[in-house]
N, C-alpha and C. Protein backbone atom coordinates (compact mmCIF):
# COMPACT_ATOMS: atom_id res chain seq x y z
N UNK A 1 53.15 1.17 -0.14
CA UNK A 1 53.39 2.52 0.31
C UNK A 1 52.82 2.75 1.72
N UNK A 2 51.62 2.24 1.95
CA UNK A 2 50.99 2.40 3.26
C UNK A 2 51.79 1.71 4.35
N UNK A 3 52.42 0.58 4.01
CA UNK A 3 53.22 -0.15 4.99
C UNK A 3 54.43 0.68 5.40
N UNK A 4 55.04 1.37 4.46
CA UNK A 4 56.20 2.20 4.76
C UNK A 4 55.81 3.36 5.68
N UNK A 5 54.70 3.98 5.38
CA UNK A 5 54.23 5.09 6.21
C UNK A 5 53.88 4.60 7.61
N UNK A 6 53.24 3.46 7.72
CA UNK A 6 52.89 2.89 9.02
C UNK A 6 54.16 2.52 9.80
N UNK A 7 55.14 1.94 9.13
CA UNK A 7 56.40 1.58 9.79
C UNK A 7 57.12 2.82 10.30
N UNK A 8 57.13 3.89 9.53
CA UNK A 8 57.76 5.14 9.98
C UNK A 8 57.03 5.74 11.16
N UNK A 9 55.70 5.68 11.12
CA UNK A 9 54.91 6.22 12.23
C UNK A 9 55.19 5.45 13.52
N UNK A 10 55.25 4.14 13.43
CA UNK A 10 55.52 3.33 14.62
C UNK A 10 56.93 3.58 15.13
N UNK A 11 57.90 3.64 14.24
CA UNK A 11 59.28 3.89 14.63
C UNK A 11 59.41 5.24 15.33
N UNK A 12 58.77 6.25 14.78
CA UNK A 12 58.81 7.59 15.37
C UNK A 12 58.14 7.60 16.74
N UNK A 13 57.02 6.91 16.86
CA UNK A 13 56.32 6.84 18.14
C UNK A 13 57.16 6.15 19.20
N UNK A 14 57.85 5.08 18.82
CA UNK A 14 58.71 4.38 19.78
C UNK A 14 59.88 5.26 20.23
N UNK A 15 60.47 5.99 19.31
CA UNK A 15 61.57 6.89 19.67
C UNK A 15 61.08 7.99 20.61
N UNK A 16 59.91 8.53 20.35
CA UNK A 16 59.35 9.56 21.22
C UNK A 16 59.04 9.01 22.60
N UNK A 17 58.53 7.79 22.67
CA UNK A 17 58.22 7.18 23.97
C UNK A 17 59.50 6.91 24.75
N UNK A 18 60.55 6.46 24.06
CA UNK A 18 61.82 6.23 24.75
C UNK A 18 62.36 7.52 25.33
N UNK A 19 62.29 8.59 24.57
CA UNK A 19 62.77 9.89 25.06
C UNK A 19 61.92 10.36 26.26
N UNK A 20 60.63 10.14 26.19
CA UNK A 20 59.75 10.52 27.29
C UNK A 20 60.10 9.74 28.56
N UNK A 21 60.39 8.45 28.43
CA UNK A 21 60.77 7.65 29.59
C UNK A 21 62.12 8.10 30.16
N UNK A 22 63.04 8.53 29.31
CA UNK A 22 64.31 9.09 29.78
C UNK A 22 64.06 10.34 30.62
N UNK A 23 63.18 11.19 30.17
CA UNK A 23 62.87 12.42 30.90
C UNK A 23 62.18 12.12 32.23
N UNK A 24 61.29 11.14 32.23
CA UNK A 24 60.64 10.75 33.49
C UNK A 24 61.66 10.19 34.48
N UNK A 25 62.59 9.39 33.99
CA UNK A 25 63.64 8.84 34.85
C UNK A 25 64.50 9.97 35.41
N UNK A 26 64.85 10.94 34.59
CA UNK A 26 65.67 12.07 35.04
C UNK A 26 64.93 12.87 36.12
N UNK A 27 63.65 13.13 35.91
CA UNK A 27 62.87 13.88 36.89
C UNK A 27 62.77 13.12 38.21
N UNK A 28 62.54 11.83 38.14
CA UNK A 28 62.43 11.01 39.34
C UNK A 28 63.76 11.01 40.10
N UNK A 29 64.86 10.86 39.39
CA UNK A 29 66.17 10.83 40.04
C UNK A 29 66.56 12.19 40.62
N UNK A 30 66.21 13.27 39.95
CA UNK A 30 66.46 14.60 40.50
C UNK A 30 65.69 14.80 41.80
N UNK A 31 64.48 14.31 41.83
CA UNK A 31 63.66 14.41 43.04
C UNK A 31 64.28 13.60 44.19
N UNK A 32 64.72 12.40 43.90
CA UNK A 32 65.36 11.57 44.92
C UNK A 32 66.64 12.23 45.42
N UNK A 33 67.46 12.76 44.50
CA UNK A 33 68.72 13.42 44.88
C UNK A 33 68.44 14.63 45.77
N UNK A 34 67.44 15.41 45.43
CA UNK A 34 67.10 16.59 46.24
C UNK A 34 66.65 16.16 47.63
N UNK A 35 65.87 15.10 47.73
CA UNK A 35 65.42 14.64 49.04
C UNK A 35 66.57 14.09 49.87
N UNK A 36 67.52 13.40 49.24
CA UNK A 36 68.68 12.88 49.97
C UNK A 36 69.48 14.04 50.57
N UNK A 37 69.74 15.07 49.76
CA UNK A 37 70.53 16.21 50.24
C UNK A 37 69.79 16.99 51.33
N UNK A 38 68.49 17.19 51.15
CA UNK A 38 67.73 17.93 52.16
C UNK A 38 67.70 17.16 53.48
N UNK A 39 67.57 15.86 53.41
CA UNK A 39 67.57 15.03 54.62
C UNK A 39 68.91 15.15 55.34
N UNK A 40 70.01 15.12 54.59
CA UNK A 40 71.34 15.25 55.21
C UNK A 40 71.52 16.64 55.83
N UNK A 41 71.06 17.69 55.16
CA UNK A 41 71.16 19.03 55.74
C UNK A 41 70.39 19.12 57.05
N UNK A 42 69.23 18.50 57.10
CA UNK A 42 68.45 18.53 58.34
C UNK A 42 69.17 17.77 59.45
N UNK A 43 69.86 16.68 59.12
CA UNK A 43 70.67 15.97 60.13
C UNK A 43 71.82 16.85 60.60
N UNK A 44 72.45 17.58 59.68
CA UNK A 44 73.57 18.44 60.04
C UNK A 44 73.15 19.63 60.88
N UNK A 45 71.92 20.07 60.75
CA UNK A 45 71.43 21.17 61.59
C UNK A 45 71.37 20.76 63.06
N UNK A 46 71.32 19.47 63.32
CA UNK A 46 71.27 18.97 64.69
C UNK A 46 72.66 18.79 65.30
N UNK A 47 73.71 18.98 64.53
CA UNK A 47 75.07 18.80 65.02
C UNK A 47 75.54 20.04 65.79
N UNK A 48 76.46 19.83 66.72
CA UNK A 48 77.09 20.95 67.40
C UNK A 48 78.10 21.59 66.45
N UNK A 49 78.62 22.75 66.82
CA UNK A 49 79.58 23.46 65.97
C UNK A 49 80.83 22.61 65.74
N UNK A 50 81.32 21.96 66.78
CA UNK A 50 82.53 21.15 66.63
C UNK A 50 82.26 19.91 65.77
N UNK A 51 81.09 19.29 65.91
CA UNK A 51 80.75 18.15 65.07
C UNK A 51 80.60 18.58 63.61
N UNK A 52 80.02 19.74 63.40
CA UNK A 52 79.81 20.25 62.05
C UNK A 52 81.14 20.52 61.36
N UNK A 53 82.13 21.00 62.11
CA UNK A 53 83.44 21.32 61.55
C UNK A 53 84.40 20.14 61.53
N UNK A 54 83.98 19.00 62.00
CA UNK A 54 84.84 17.83 62.04
C UNK A 54 85.10 17.32 60.61
N UNK A 55 86.36 17.35 60.21
CA UNK A 55 86.73 16.91 58.84
C UNK A 55 86.48 15.42 58.65
N UNK A 56 86.43 14.67 59.73
CA UNK A 56 86.21 13.23 59.63
C UNK A 56 84.73 12.87 59.43
N UNK A 57 83.85 13.84 59.59
CA UNK A 57 82.41 13.56 59.44
C UNK A 57 82.11 13.17 57.99
N UNK A 58 81.49 12.03 57.83
CA UNK A 58 81.12 11.55 56.50
C UNK A 58 79.60 11.63 56.34
N UNK A 59 79.17 12.35 55.33
CA UNK A 59 77.74 12.40 55.03
C UNK A 59 77.32 11.02 54.50
N UNK A 60 76.14 10.60 54.88
CA UNK A 60 75.67 9.29 54.42
C UNK A 60 74.20 9.39 54.03
N UNK A 61 73.83 8.56 53.09
CA UNK A 61 72.43 8.52 52.65
C UNK A 61 71.63 7.86 53.76
N UNK A 62 70.53 8.49 54.13
CA UNK A 62 69.68 8.00 55.20
C UNK A 62 69.13 6.61 54.87
N UNK A 63 68.95 5.81 55.91
CA UNK A 63 68.47 4.44 55.74
C UNK A 63 67.10 4.38 55.07
N UNK A 64 66.29 5.40 55.25
CA UNK A 64 64.97 5.39 54.63
C UNK A 64 65.06 5.39 53.10
N UNK A 65 66.13 5.95 52.56
CA UNK A 65 66.33 5.92 51.11
C UNK A 65 66.95 4.60 50.67
N UNK A 66 67.83 4.04 51.51
CA UNK A 66 68.54 2.83 51.14
C UNK A 66 67.66 1.59 51.12
N UNK A 67 66.48 1.68 51.70
CA UNK A 67 65.54 0.57 51.64
C UNK A 67 65.06 0.31 50.22
N UNK A 68 65.09 1.35 49.41
CA UNK A 68 64.68 1.23 48.02
C UNK A 68 65.86 0.72 47.20
N UNK A 69 65.76 -0.47 46.61
CA UNK A 69 66.90 -1.01 45.86
C UNK A 69 67.28 -0.17 44.64
N UNK A 70 66.39 0.63 44.13
CA UNK A 70 66.71 1.50 43.00
C UNK A 70 67.61 2.65 43.42
N UNK A 71 67.64 2.96 44.72
CA UNK A 71 68.46 4.04 45.23
C UNK A 71 69.77 3.50 45.80
N UNK A 72 69.70 2.38 46.50
CA UNK A 72 70.83 1.88 47.27
C UNK A 72 72.11 1.70 46.46
N UNK A 73 72.03 1.19 45.28
CA UNK A 73 73.24 0.94 44.52
C UNK A 73 73.62 2.03 43.55
N UNK A 74 72.73 2.97 43.30
CA UNK A 74 72.97 3.96 42.24
C UNK A 74 73.41 5.32 42.73
N UNK A 75 73.02 5.71 43.93
CA UNK A 75 73.25 7.06 44.41
C UNK A 75 74.40 7.08 45.43
N UNK A 76 75.24 8.11 45.33
CA UNK A 76 76.29 8.32 46.34
C UNK A 76 76.21 9.78 46.80
N UNK A 77 76.58 9.99 48.05
CA UNK A 77 76.52 11.33 48.65
C UNK A 77 77.90 11.71 49.14
N UNK A 78 78.33 12.93 48.81
CA UNK A 78 79.61 13.44 49.31
C UNK A 78 79.40 14.83 49.91
N UNK A 79 80.34 15.23 50.77
CA UNK A 79 80.23 16.50 51.50
C UNK A 79 81.55 17.23 51.44
N UNK A 80 81.49 18.53 51.21
CA UNK A 80 82.71 19.35 51.31
C UNK A 80 82.42 20.50 52.27
N UNK A 81 83.43 20.85 53.03
CA UNK A 81 83.32 21.88 54.06
C UNK A 81 84.38 22.94 53.80
N UNK A 82 83.97 24.21 53.74
CA UNK A 82 84.89 25.31 53.52
C UNK A 82 84.61 26.39 54.56
N UNK A 83 85.67 26.87 55.20
CA UNK A 83 85.52 27.97 56.15
C UNK A 83 85.51 29.28 55.36
N UNK A 84 84.54 30.13 55.64
CA UNK A 84 84.44 31.43 54.96
C UNK A 84 85.49 32.36 55.58
N UNK A 85 86.48 32.73 54.79
CA UNK A 85 87.64 33.46 55.31
C UNK A 85 87.28 34.84 55.86
N UNK A 86 86.35 35.54 55.25
CA UNK A 86 86.03 36.90 55.67
C UNK A 86 85.27 36.96 56.99
N UNK A 87 84.92 35.81 57.55
CA UNK A 87 84.08 35.78 58.76
C UNK A 87 84.80 35.21 59.98
N UNK A 88 86.13 35.27 60.00
CA UNK A 88 86.93 34.86 61.16
C UNK A 88 86.64 33.43 61.61
N UNK A 89 86.34 32.56 60.68
CA UNK A 89 86.09 31.17 61.02
C UNK A 89 84.78 30.91 61.71
N UNK A 90 83.87 31.88 61.71
CA UNK A 90 82.59 31.70 62.39
C UNK A 90 81.48 31.25 61.45
N UNK A 91 81.78 31.16 60.17
CA UNK A 91 80.80 30.69 59.19
C UNK A 91 81.49 29.65 58.31
N UNK A 92 80.79 28.54 58.09
CA UNK A 92 81.30 27.51 57.19
C UNK A 92 80.30 27.29 56.07
N UNK A 93 80.83 26.95 54.93
CA UNK A 93 80.01 26.62 53.76
C UNK A 93 80.04 25.10 53.60
N UNK A 94 78.87 24.50 53.56
CA UNK A 94 78.76 23.05 53.39
C UNK A 94 78.10 22.80 52.04
N UNK A 95 78.75 21.97 51.24
CA UNK A 95 78.20 21.59 49.94
C UNK A 95 78.01 20.08 49.91
N UNK A 96 76.81 19.67 49.62
CA UNK A 96 76.50 18.25 49.45
C UNK A 96 76.31 17.97 47.96
N UNK A 97 76.85 16.86 47.51
CA UNK A 97 76.73 16.47 46.11
C UNK A 97 76.25 15.03 46.04
N UNK A 98 75.22 14.81 45.27
CA UNK A 98 74.71 13.46 45.02
C UNK A 98 75.03 13.12 43.57
N UNK A 99 75.63 11.96 43.36
CA UNK A 99 75.89 11.49 42.00
C UNK A 99 75.17 10.17 41.79
N UNK A 100 74.76 9.92 40.57
CA UNK A 100 74.08 8.68 40.24
C UNK A 100 74.24 8.41 38.75
N UNK A 101 73.90 7.20 38.35
CA UNK A 101 73.92 6.82 36.95
C UNK A 101 72.49 6.58 36.49
N UNK A 102 72.20 7.09 35.31
CA UNK A 102 70.89 6.83 34.71
C UNK A 102 70.86 5.41 34.19
N UNK A 103 69.70 4.94 33.77
CA UNK A 103 69.64 3.58 33.27
C UNK A 103 70.33 3.43 31.91
N UNK A 104 70.69 4.55 31.29
CA UNK A 104 71.49 4.49 30.06
C UNK A 104 72.99 4.54 30.36
N UNK A 105 73.36 4.67 31.64
CA UNK A 105 74.76 4.68 32.03
C UNK A 105 75.39 6.05 32.18
N UNK A 106 74.64 7.10 31.89
CA UNK A 106 75.16 8.46 32.00
C UNK A 106 75.28 8.85 33.47
N UNK A 107 76.41 9.45 33.84
CA UNK A 107 76.62 9.89 35.22
C UNK A 107 76.10 11.32 35.38
N UNK A 108 75.27 11.53 36.39
CA UNK A 108 74.71 12.85 36.68
C UNK A 108 75.01 13.21 38.13
N UNK A 109 75.03 14.51 38.41
CA UNK A 109 75.29 14.98 39.77
C UNK A 109 74.51 16.27 40.02
N UNK A 110 74.09 16.45 41.26
CA UNK A 110 73.45 17.68 41.70
C UNK A 110 74.03 18.05 43.05
N UNK A 111 74.12 19.35 43.31
CA UNK A 111 74.70 19.83 44.57
C UNK A 111 73.80 20.87 45.21
N UNK A 112 73.82 20.87 46.54
CA UNK A 112 73.19 21.91 47.35
C UNK A 112 74.29 22.52 48.22
N UNK A 113 74.21 23.82 48.42
CA UNK A 113 75.17 24.51 49.28
C UNK A 113 74.40 25.33 50.32
N UNK A 114 74.89 25.32 51.54
CA UNK A 114 74.31 26.13 52.60
C UNK A 114 75.42 26.63 53.50
N UNK A 115 75.08 27.55 54.37
CA UNK A 115 76.05 28.13 55.31
C UNK A 115 75.56 27.90 56.73
N UNK A 116 76.51 27.60 57.61
CA UNK A 116 76.22 27.47 59.04
C UNK A 116 77.07 28.49 59.78
N UNK A 117 76.48 29.16 60.76
CA UNK A 117 77.20 30.13 61.57
C UNK A 117 77.37 29.65 62.99
N UNK A 118 78.54 29.94 63.57
CA UNK A 118 78.77 29.58 64.96
C UNK A 118 77.81 30.38 65.82
N UNK A 119 77.09 29.68 66.69
CA UNK A 119 76.10 30.34 67.51
C UNK A 119 74.79 30.57 66.77
N UNK A 120 74.65 29.96 65.60
CA UNK A 120 73.44 30.14 64.79
C UNK A 120 72.36 29.15 65.17
N UNK A 121 71.44 28.93 64.25
CA UNK A 121 70.28 28.09 64.50
C UNK A 121 70.68 26.67 64.89
N UNK A 122 71.72 26.12 64.24
CA UNK A 122 72.12 24.75 64.60
C UNK A 122 72.59 24.66 66.05
N UNK A 123 73.22 25.69 66.58
CA UNK A 123 73.64 25.71 67.99
C UNK A 123 72.42 25.74 68.90
N UNK A 124 71.43 26.56 68.56
CA UNK A 124 70.20 26.65 69.37
C UNK A 124 69.50 25.29 69.41
N UNK A 125 69.41 24.64 68.26
CA UNK A 125 68.72 23.35 68.19
C UNK A 125 69.47 22.29 68.98
N UNK A 126 70.82 22.23 68.80
CA UNK A 126 71.58 21.18 69.48
C UNK A 126 71.58 21.37 71.00
N UNK A 127 71.46 22.61 71.49
CA UNK A 127 71.45 22.85 72.95
C UNK A 127 70.08 22.70 73.55
N UNK A 128 69.03 23.01 72.75
CA UNK A 128 67.68 23.01 73.30
C UNK A 128 66.81 21.86 72.78
N UNK A 129 67.35 21.08 71.86
CA UNK A 129 66.58 20.00 71.24
C UNK A 129 66.47 18.85 72.12
């Protein structure tokens, strides 16, 4: 009887530890995804208005992240650009999305959205930087 109880206790402990490691992996990956997107937004703040609106511009993961082999093959970054119609084309909405696979194979994604205005902070930085 004691062996059965001990076996159940060990089995339960292992299942709990596996779940805990899944949560730690998720938290670590969310942190990496947030840093990738924030880094790209900071690069885009340095662009001129015409560069920012260029449909050919491809967002890319910064080399500082790609040095880590755990990031290089698992994470991808995409960018979408939308002109805000009510603002006469003077404001654009930029959405960055990072997708990755967990070590269990599940696909996850997180997105950040921001707005840039013509003649706004990014223009000041690109002219005076």
